[in-house]
């Protein structure tokens, strides 16, 4: 019986052989992706080929098949990049996000669309909505909720007037870092960051930088850009912003909550078919009468639909008028939701389906 272990040369030759097979299969997949384009017809752009429900189904199968040693997250990331490159062979998707380069929004873009997509940094969340609706961006990625700070109101308010539709969601684990030009805590007299990030790190700042002025800016990447110009300035941002703007890390993982996570929405111009594990977002404006909210929620309960979230915002239609943003489990094409929506419409001032989209992979 031969128990001799393989030599290092044997192991490396085996790895080289596997790499050759992997590369050959990736090329074969890319060729079949081109066949999909031929079947759909000539002259179409990447947005005509992109199917988020199909992509979500493929990635869920990746997770189901995974037996290690790589984690589910690593396997999903690898397959996401393969799909991204295959889709971008002719014309990469253009994805708007809150810029400049180095924001968490850009990280969410890369997590959801891969690095073959073309990122379009924009100056505000409002501008992301505008560029998507105008067709200058194929999709946009906007933050909507943080696990510690709650809903991001400007994103909700944009849906009151915008025709953009929700096509997907991304959950991003957010690690905040304190970055500066010198890398020394004692030099810092002022800290730039997005207001949400300042709130996420307020306890750490109170303990470690009680003397520093806190200055809100439009994005964390903008904070890093400003901090690189002075030795007494710092920024709260992600590590990627530090790399982009040449800053040193003063403190890592300074967020107050260990589970600090931001949920982003992918916005586009149309609805997509079911993926098999979906969420539907509704915008509801109620009539001013007793039991108005009951009229909204009772049809959902009768049809066995799980309510994930409900938020109210001023409707902009009049003083003391409110709109409700509601997330439910399922797709608007599912029979229970279709029947519930018909019942709800009879008693509401307005009802819009903002989107039905695949639930973010954990």
Protein backbone atom coordinates (compact mmCIF):
# COMPACT_ATOMS: atom_id res chain seq x y z
CA UNK A 1 0.00 0.00 0.00
CA UNK A 2 1.45 3.33 -1.06
CA UNK A 3 0.78 6.12 1.49
CA UNK A 4 3.34 8.47 -0.01
CA UNK A 5 2.11 12.05 -0.08
CA UNK A 6 2.17 13.84 -3.44
CA UNK A 7 5.11 16.12 -4.01
CA UNK A 8 4.76 19.89 -4.24
CA UNK A 9 5.39 19.60 -7.98
CA UNK A 10 2.54 17.08 -8.32
CA UNK A 11 0.16 19.36 -6.40
CA UNK A 12 1.07 22.36 -8.53
CA UNK A 13 0.64 20.39 -11.74
CA UNK A 14 -2.80 19.27 -10.58
CA UNK A 15 -3.76 22.88 -9.79
CA UNK A 16 -2.51 24.01 -13.20
CA UNK A 17 -4.64 21.33 -14.87
CA UNK A 18 -7.73 22.42 -12.90
CA UNK A 19 -7.05 26.08 -13.80
CA UNK A 20 -6.94 25.11 -17.46
CA UNK A 21 -10.32 23.37 -17.14
CA UNK A 22 -11.84 26.32 -15.28
CA UNK A 23 -10.61 28.78 -17.90
CA UNK A 24 -11.93 26.62 -20.73
CA UNK A 25 -15.36 26.38 -19.07
CA UNK A 26 -15.51 30.13 -18.44
CA UNK A 27 -14.75 30.75 -22.12
CA UNK A 28 -17.45 28.27 -23.08
CA UNK A 29 -19.91 30.06 -20.78
CA UNK A 30 -19.02 33.41 -22.36
CA UNK A 31 -19.66 31.97 -25.82
CA UNK A 32 -23.07 30.70 -24.74
CA UNK A 33 -23.82 34.15 -23.31
CA UNK A 34 -23.21 35.49 -26.82
CA UNK A 35 -25.69 32.93 -28.12
CA UNK A 36 -28.30 34.40 -25.76
CA UNK A 37 -27.67 37.78 -27.38
CA UNK A 38 -28.14 36.26 -30.85
CA UNK A 39 -31.41 34.61 -29.82
CA UNK A 40 -32.76 37.89 -28.42
CA UNK A 41 -31.82 39.80 -31.56
CA UNK A 42 -29.24 42.21 -32.91
CA UNK A 43 -28.88 45.84 -31.90
CA UNK A 44 -29.83 45.42 -28.25
CA UNK A 45 -27.89 46.92 -25.35
CA UNK A 46 -26.76 45.27 -22.10
CA UNK A 47 -29.90 46.38 -20.28
CA UNK A 48 -31.98 44.30 -22.71
CA UNK A 49 -30.02 41.17 -21.74
CA UNK A 50 -29.87 41.77 -18.00
CA UNK A 51 -32.38 39.68 -16.06
CA UNK A 52 -32.12 40.12 -12.28
CA UNK A 53 -34.56 37.29 -11.58
CA UNK A 54 -32.42 34.85 -13.61
CA UNK A 55 -29.22 36.10 -11.95
CA UNK A 56 -30.74 35.66 -8.47
CA UNK A 57 -31.83 32.12 -9.36
CA UNK A 58 -28.31 31.22 -10.58
CA UNK A 59 -26.67 32.59 -7.42
CA UNK A 60 -29.10 30.77 -5.14
CA UNK A 61 -28.15 27.53 -6.94
CA UNK A 62 -24.48 28.39 -6.32
CA UNK A 63 -25.21 28.63 -2.60
CA UNK A 64 -27.23 25.40 -2.60
CA UNK A 65 -24.42 23.48 -4.35
CA UNK A 66 -21.60 24.85 -2.24
CA UNK A 67 -19.85 22.24 -0.08
CA UNK A 68 -16.83 24.32 0.94
CA UNK A 69 -14.12 25.00 1.77
CA UNK A 70 -14.89 28.43 0.27
CA UNK A 71 -17.75 30.26 1.98
CA UNK A 72 -21.08 30.94 0.30
CA UNK A 73 -20.14 34.62 0.09
CA UNK A 74 -16.88 33.85 -1.72
CA UNK A 75 -18.56 31.49 -4.18
CA UNK A 76 -21.29 34.04 -4.90
CA UNK A 77 -18.67 36.75 -5.46
CA UNK A 78 -16.77 34.58 -7.94
CA UNK A 79 -19.87 33.66 -9.94
CA UNK A 80 -21.10 37.26 -9.85
CA UNK A 81 -17.88 38.39 -11.51
CA UNK A 82 -18.13 35.65 -14.16
CA UNK A 83 -21.70 36.69 -14.99
CA UNK A 84 -20.71 40.37 -14.97
CA UNK A 85 -17.90 39.78 -17.47
CA UNK A 86 -20.06 37.61 -19.71
CA UNK A 87 -22.81 40.25 -19.79
CA UNK A 88 -20.34 43.05 -20.53
CA UNK A 89 -18.76 41.45 -23.61
CA UNK A 90 -20.49 43.86 -25.98
CA UNK A 91 -21.78 46.75 -23.87
CA UNK A 92 -21.33 47.00 -20.07
CA UNK A 93 -24.20 48.15 -17.89
CA UNK A 94 -24.00 51.78 -16.71
CA UNK A 95 -24.77 52.01 -12.98
CA UNK A 96 -25.31 55.35 -11.24
CA UNK A 97 -24.35 55.71 -7.58
CA UNK A 98 -23.68 58.37 -4.97
CA UNK A 99 -20.09 59.43 -5.64
CA UNK A 100 -17.34 60.27 -5.75
CA UNK A 101 -15.24 57.13 -6.15
CA UNK A 102 -14.73 55.17 -2.92
CA UNK A 103 -18.22 55.39 -1.34
CA UNK A 104 -20.09 52.49 0.22
CA UNK A 105 -22.60 52.97 -2.59
CA UNK A 106 -19.86 52.08 -5.08
CA UNK A 107 -19.05 48.97 -3.02
CA UNK A 108 -22.73 48.00 -3.24
CA UNK A 109 -22.60 48.47 -7.03
CA UNK A 110 -19.62 46.11 -7.28
CA UNK A 111 -21.21 43.57 -4.96
CA UNK A 112 -24.42 43.45 -7.01
CA UNK A 113 -23.23 44.05 -10.60
CA UNK A 114 -19.58 42.99 -10.50
CA UNK A 115 -16.54 44.90 -11.67
CA UNK A 116 -17.31 44.63 -15.41
CA UNK A 117 -20.20 47.09 -15.04
CA UNK A 118 -19.43 50.77 -15.65
CA UNK A 119 -19.85 52.82 -12.47
CA UNK A 120 -21.24 56.33 -12.91
CA UNK A 121 -20.49 58.45 -9.81
CA UNK A 122 -23.08 61.18 -9.23
CA UNK A 123 -23.37 64.10 -6.86
CA UNK A 124 -26.52 63.18 -4.94
CA UNK A 125 -29.19 60.54 -4.45
CA UNK A 126 -31.60 62.83 -6.34
CA UNK A 127 -29.24 62.83 -9.32
CA UNK A 128 -29.06 59.02 -9.32
CA UNK A 129 -32.86 58.88 -9.67
CA UNK A 130 -32.84 61.54 -12.39
CA UNK A 131 -30.15 59.86 -14.50
CA UNK A 132 -31.88 56.48 -14.32
CA UNK A 133 -35.29 57.88 -15.32
CA UNK A 134 -33.70 59.91 -18.14
CA UNK A 135 -31.99 56.77 -19.48
CA UNK A 136 -28.44 58.07 -18.98
CA UNK A 137 -27.84 55.24 -16.48
CA UNK A 138 -29.22 51.73 -16.96
CA UNK A 139 -29.69 51.25 -13.22
CA UNK A 140 -28.89 53.11 -10.02
CA UNK A 141 -27.91 51.99 -6.52
CA UNK A 142 -29.15 54.09 -3.59
CA UNK A 143 -28.99 53.54 0.19
CA UNK A 144 -32.39 53.09 1.84
CA UNK A 145 -31.86 51.73 5.34
CA UNK A 146 -29.20 51.22 8.01
CA UNK A 147 -29.52 48.57 10.69
CA UNK A 148 -28.74 51.07 13.43
CA UNK A 149 -29.99 54.41 12.11
CA UNK A 150 -33.15 53.33 10.29
CA UNK A 151 -34.55 54.59 6.98
CA UNK A 152 -32.78 57.11 4.76
CA UNK A 153 -35.54 59.64 4.20
CA UNK A 154 -34.27 61.31 1.03
CA UNK A 155 -34.43 57.96 -0.79
CA UNK A 156 -38.02 57.36 0.31
CA UNK A 157 -39.02 60.91 -0.61
CA UNK A 158 -37.65 60.50 -4.15
CA UNK A 159 -40.15 57.71 -4.82
CA UNK A 160 -43.00 60.14 -4.16
CA UNK A 161 -42.24 62.00 -7.40
CA UNK A 162 -39.96 59.70 -9.43
CA UNK A 163 -41.06 57.06 -11.95
CA UNK A 164 -38.09 54.84 -11.05
CA UNK A 165 -38.84 51.22 -10.18
CA UNK A 166 -37.09 49.00 -7.66
CA UNK A 167 -35.33 46.09 -9.39
CA UNK A 168 -33.18 44.63 -6.61
CA UNK A 169 -31.65 45.06 -3.19
CA UNK A 170 -28.14 44.74 -1.76
CA UNK A 171 -27.09 44.28 1.86
CA UNK A 172 -23.61 45.59 2.63
CA UNK A 173 -21.79 45.04 5.93
CA UNK A 174 -20.37 48.48 6.69
CA UNK A 175 -17.05 48.86 8.51
CA UNK A 176 -16.25 52.49 9.27
CA UNK A 177 -12.64 53.67 9.54
CA UNK A 178 -11.10 56.90 10.77
CA UNK A 179 -8.69 58.11 8.09
CA UNK A 180 -6.23 61.00 8.04
CA UNK A 181 -3.15 62.25 6.25
CA UNK A 182 -0.77 61.80 9.19
CA UNK A 183 -2.36 58.73 10.78
CA UNK A 184 -2.08 60.28 14.27
CA UNK A 185 -5.14 60.67 16.48
CA UNK A 186 -3.68 63.60 18.40
CA UNK A 187 -3.41 65.71 15.22
CA UNK A 188 -7.14 65.61 14.47
CA UNK A 189 -9.19 68.75 15.12
CA UNK A 190 -12.14 68.10 12.77
CA UNK A 191 -13.83 65.03 11.31
CA UNK A 192 -15.68 64.99 7.98
CA UNK A 193 -18.28 62.34 7.12
CA UNK A 194 -21.77 61.69 5.86
CA UNK A 195 -24.35 62.45 8.61
CA UNK A 196 -25.36 58.76 8.77
CA UNK A 197 -21.77 57.69 9.38
CA UNK A 198 -21.26 60.33 12.05
CA UNK A 199 -24.29 58.89 13.84
CA UNK A 200 -23.05 55.32 13.41
CA UNK A 201 -19.77 56.23 15.15
CA UNK A 202 -20.95 58.78 17.73
CA UNK A 203 -19.96 56.74 20.81
CA UNK A 204 -16.46 56.09 19.48
CA UNK A 205 -16.05 59.76 18.63
CA UNK A 206 -17.27 60.85 22.06
CA UNK A 207 -14.74 58.62 23.81
CA UNK A 208 -11.75 59.02 21.52
CA UNK A 209 -12.17 62.46 19.90
CA UNK A 210 -14.33 64.57 22.22
CA UNK A 211 -12.49 67.73 21.18
CA UNK A 212 -12.92 67.31 17.41
CA UNK A 213 -15.49 69.23 15.37
CA UNK A 214 -17.84 66.95 13.41
CA UNK A 215 -18.60 68.25 9.91
CA UNK A 216 -21.30 66.56 7.77
CA UNK A 217 -20.70 66.29 4.01
CA UNK A 218 -22.52 64.69 1.07
CA UNK A 219 -20.63 61.37 1.11
CA UNK A 220 -17.85 59.53 2.90
CA UNK A 221 -15.67 59.65 -0.20
CA UNK A 222 -16.11 63.41 -0.30
CA UNK A 223 -15.04 63.43 3.36
CA UNK A 224 -11.87 61.54 2.44
CA UNK A 225 -11.18 63.94 -0.41
CA UNK A 226 -11.42 66.90 1.96
CA UNK A 227 -9.33 65.23 4.68
CA UNK A 228 -6.36 64.67 2.39
CA UNK A 229 -5.70 68.44 2.23
CA UNK A 230 -4.88 69.09 5.91
CA UNK A 231 -2.94 67.38 8.71
CA UNK A 232 -5.56 68.30 11.34
CA UNK A 233 -8.51 66.83 9.38
CA UNK A 234 -9.86 63.29 9.30
CA UNK A 235 -12.64 61.39 7.57
CA UNK A 236 -14.93 58.56 8.56
CA UNK A 237 -15.17 56.30 5.52
CA UNK A 238 -14.44 52.80 4.26
CA UNK A 239 -10.96 51.43 3.63
CA UNK A 240 -11.48 51.78 -0.12
CA UNK A 241 -11.83 55.56 0.21
CA UNK A 242 -8.57 55.62 2.14
CA UNK A 243 -6.81 53.80 -0.70
CA UNK A 244 -8.30 56.10 -3.34
CA UNK A 245 -7.33 59.32 -1.55
CA UNK A 246 -4.02 58.22 -0.02
CA UNK A 247 -5.02 58.39 3.65
CA UNK A 248 -3.69 56.41 6.61
CA UNK A 249 -5.92 54.42 8.92
CA UNK A 250 -6.18 55.87 12.44
CA UNK A 251 -8.91 53.50 13.66
CA UNK A 252 -10.67 50.48 12.16
CA UNK A 253 -14.22 49.21 12.73
CA UNK A 254 -15.16 52.28 14.76
CA UNK A 255 -18.92 51.83 14.19
CA UNK A 256 -20.89 51.56 17.45
CA UNK A 257 -22.83 48.44 16.36
CA UNK A 258 -21.01 45.23 15.50
CA UNK A 259 -23.76 44.32 12.98
CA UNK A 260 -23.71 47.68 11.18
CA UNK A 261 -25.31 46.92 7.79
CA UNK A 262 -26.76 49.17 5.09
CA UNK A 263 -29.47 48.05 2.68
CA UNK A 264 -29.34 49.50 -0.82
CA UNK A 265 -31.99 49.48 -3.53
CA UNK A 266 -31.30 48.90 -7.21
CA UNK A 267 -33.52 51.23 -9.23
CA UNK A 268 -34.41 50.97 -12.91
CA UNK A 269 -37.22 51.77 -15.32
CA UNK A 270 -39.34 48.60 -15.38
CA UNK A 271 -40.55 45.61 -13.38
CA UNK A 272 -39.09 42.13 -13.82
CA UNK A 273 -40.66 38.65 -13.53
CA UNK A 274 -40.54 36.58 -10.31
CA UNK A 275 -37.31 34.90 -9.21
CA UNK A 276 -38.89 32.54 -6.69
CA UNK A 277 -37.83 34.48 -3.58
CA UNK A 278 -39.01 38.06 -3.93
CA UNK A 279 -40.04 41.17 -2.08
CA UNK A 280 -42.60 43.77 -3.22
CA UNK A 281 -42.46 47.45 -2.26
CA UNK A 282 -45.67 49.49 -2.27
CA UNK A 283 -46.35 53.21 -2.00
CA UNK A 284 -49.79 53.84 -0.52
CA UNK A 285 -51.60 57.15 -0.01
CA UNK A 286 -54.62 56.85 2.28
CA UNK A 287 -57.83 58.83 2.46
CA UNK A 288 -58.25 60.92 5.62
CA UNK A 289 -60.81 58.80 7.47
CA UNK A 290 -61.04 56.52 10.52
CA UNK A 291 -59.59 53.08 9.95
CA UNK A 292 -57.62 54.13 6.87
CA UNK A 293 -54.51 52.16 7.85
CA UNK A 294 -56.65 49.13 8.74
CA UNK A 295 -58.01 49.20 5.17
CA UNK A 296 -54.42 48.97 3.95
CA UNK A 297 -53.21 46.16 6.18
CA UNK A 298 -56.26 43.91 6.57
CA UNK A 299 -56.24 42.62 2.93
CA UNK A 300 -52.60 41.59 3.40
CA UNK A 301 -53.50 39.63 6.53
CA UNK A 302 -56.52 37.97 4.88
CA UNK A 303 -54.39 36.71 2.00
CA UNK A 304 -51.57 35.46 4.25
CA UNK A 305 -48.99 38.00 3.07
CA UNK A 306 -46.08 38.73 5.41
CA UNK A 307 -45.49 42.42 6.14
CA UNK A 308 -41.75 43.13 6.24
CA UNK A 309 -41.75 46.88 6.85
CA UNK A 310 -43.96 49.96 6.98
CA UNK A 311 -42.82 53.59 7.05
CA UNK A 312 -44.81 56.82 6.81
CA UNK A 313 -43.69 60.05 5.13
CA UNK A 314 -45.44 63.37 4.35
CA UNK A 315 -47.07 62.82 0.96
CA UNK A 316 -46.29 66.30 -0.48
CA UNK A 317 -49.92 66.47 -1.63
CA UNK A 318 -51.13 68.60 1.26
CA UNK A 319 -50.55 69.51 4.88
CA UNK A 320 -50.84 66.53 7.27
CA UNK A 321 -51.26 64.10 4.39
CA UNK A 322 -49.12 60.96 4.63
CA UNK A 323 -47.92 58.20 2.34
CA UNK A 324 -46.95 54.74 3.54
CA UNK A 325 -44.04 52.71 2.19
CA UNK A 326 -44.78 49.02 2.67
CA UNK A 327 -42.58 45.99 1.97
CA UNK A 328 -44.20 42.56 1.76
CA UNK A 329 -42.94 39.06 0.98
CA UNK A 330 -43.67 37.83 -2.53
CA UNK A 331 -43.99 39.16 -6.07
CA UNK A 332 -46.77 41.38 -7.38
CA UNK A 333 -47.50 38.67 -9.99
CA UNK A 334 -48.28 36.15 -7.21
CA UNK A 335 -52.01 35.49 -6.88
CA UNK A 336 -52.31 36.37 -3.14
CA UNK A 337 -50.65 39.77 -3.64
CA UNK A 338 -52.64 40.50 -6.82
CA UNK A 339 -55.91 39.81 -4.99
CA UNK A 340 -54.88 41.84 -1.94
CA UNK A 341 -53.95 44.83 -4.13
CA UNK A 342 -57.34 44.77 -5.82
CA UNK A 343 -59.04 44.91 -2.40
CA UNK A 344 -56.76 47.69 -1.17
CA UNK A 345 -57.27 49.94 -4.21
CA UNK A 346 -60.98 50.32 -3.50
CA UNK A 347 -60.34 52.23 -0.27
CA UNK A 348 -57.11 54.12 -1.06
CA UNK A 349 -56.37 57.50 -2.57
CA UNK A 350 -53.42 56.03 -4.49
CA UNK A 351 -51.52 52.74 -4.74
CA UNK A 352 -48.28 52.19 -6.64
CA UNK A 353 -46.15 49.09 -6.93
CA UNK A 354 -42.63 50.49 -6.65
CA UNK A 355 -41.09 47.15 -7.50
CA UNK A 356 -41.02 43.40 -7.08
CA UNK A 357 -37.46 42.12 -6.90
CA UNK A 358 -35.23 39.28 -5.64
CA UNK A 359 -34.49 39.28 -1.92
CA UNK A 360 -30.82 39.98 -1.23
CA UNK A 361 -28.68 36.91 -0.67
CA UNK A 362 -27.60 36.69 2.98
